[in-house]
């Protein structure tokens, strides 16, 4: 089966739940001098990072996947779990003098989030190269990462004629217009949530094969030069934690795309994968077999999914 290479962050996520709504504690006339403290109900440490999350969900589809990223001296157990999921970790560079990146994510009861991120070893991501990967991948996912690394990976994909998905995500404020232009111009797919895509389009004219806008509980929108597809969401059995739903969507979409499914099916696979992630605390705690996924897909969209290994 075709291999996907995922670039992006590897991190430990510290996930906190705030029982109220952030906006109830923010005075509009005082936003220039915010000084707030939120008392949270839970604090849990989980494996995370965009590359780790996407690769993990791809592995559930029994999709060959490798990670190109950096981690720190505290990564040994995380690496073992990835390897047990049959994810290639040999392209993960360990920086012994640094800690693995950490994300601190607080979510209110309306699923609004406030996050902080410490890059740690990720500061060294720009030392990596797709050209040094032994086996040429069939597709590359460039997810949020060190901006210089994202730009370098985009250029390398263009040089090597590798199709890639460009996902600027949380790095949009740090990426310059030039870096965004380099990342988007050669991409097969550009993806982001509705806020990110609005911001991206305000800074850059996007002319790519496929544009995907994720809309949270409203599903997603897939646009090409020929069509616009509105993809409904899959209803989760319960909503525990939205963190990582977007990464699971990307994995579900790509698991279909690499199998040459049409875009409607790919988007619907993304919706179902996201629902699985929402049902668990943490971004890599959900699980499913191919048979379980096909059953959930069929129940959600009243269609048979021919999904094999």
Foldseek 3Di string as FASTA:
>chain_A
DFEEEEEWAKAKEWEFEAAADPVVVDDPVCPVPDDDDTDTDDTDIFTDILRLLLLLLLLLLVHAYEYAAEAELPCVVVVVVSVVSVYHDPNYHYDHVWHGKYKYWYAYPVRDIDMDIDHIGLVCSLVGDLVPDPDNGQEYEQEAGPLNNLLRHLVRCVVVVHAYEYENEPCVVVHDLVSLCSNQVRHQEYEDEPVVVVVSVVSDPHQHAWYKYQHPQQAIWIDGPVDIDRAGAQAAPDFDHQPQLQSQLVNQLVLCVVVVHDNNNSSLRSRLSSSQQRVDPYSNPGHDHPVRSQVSSCVRPVDGDPRDD
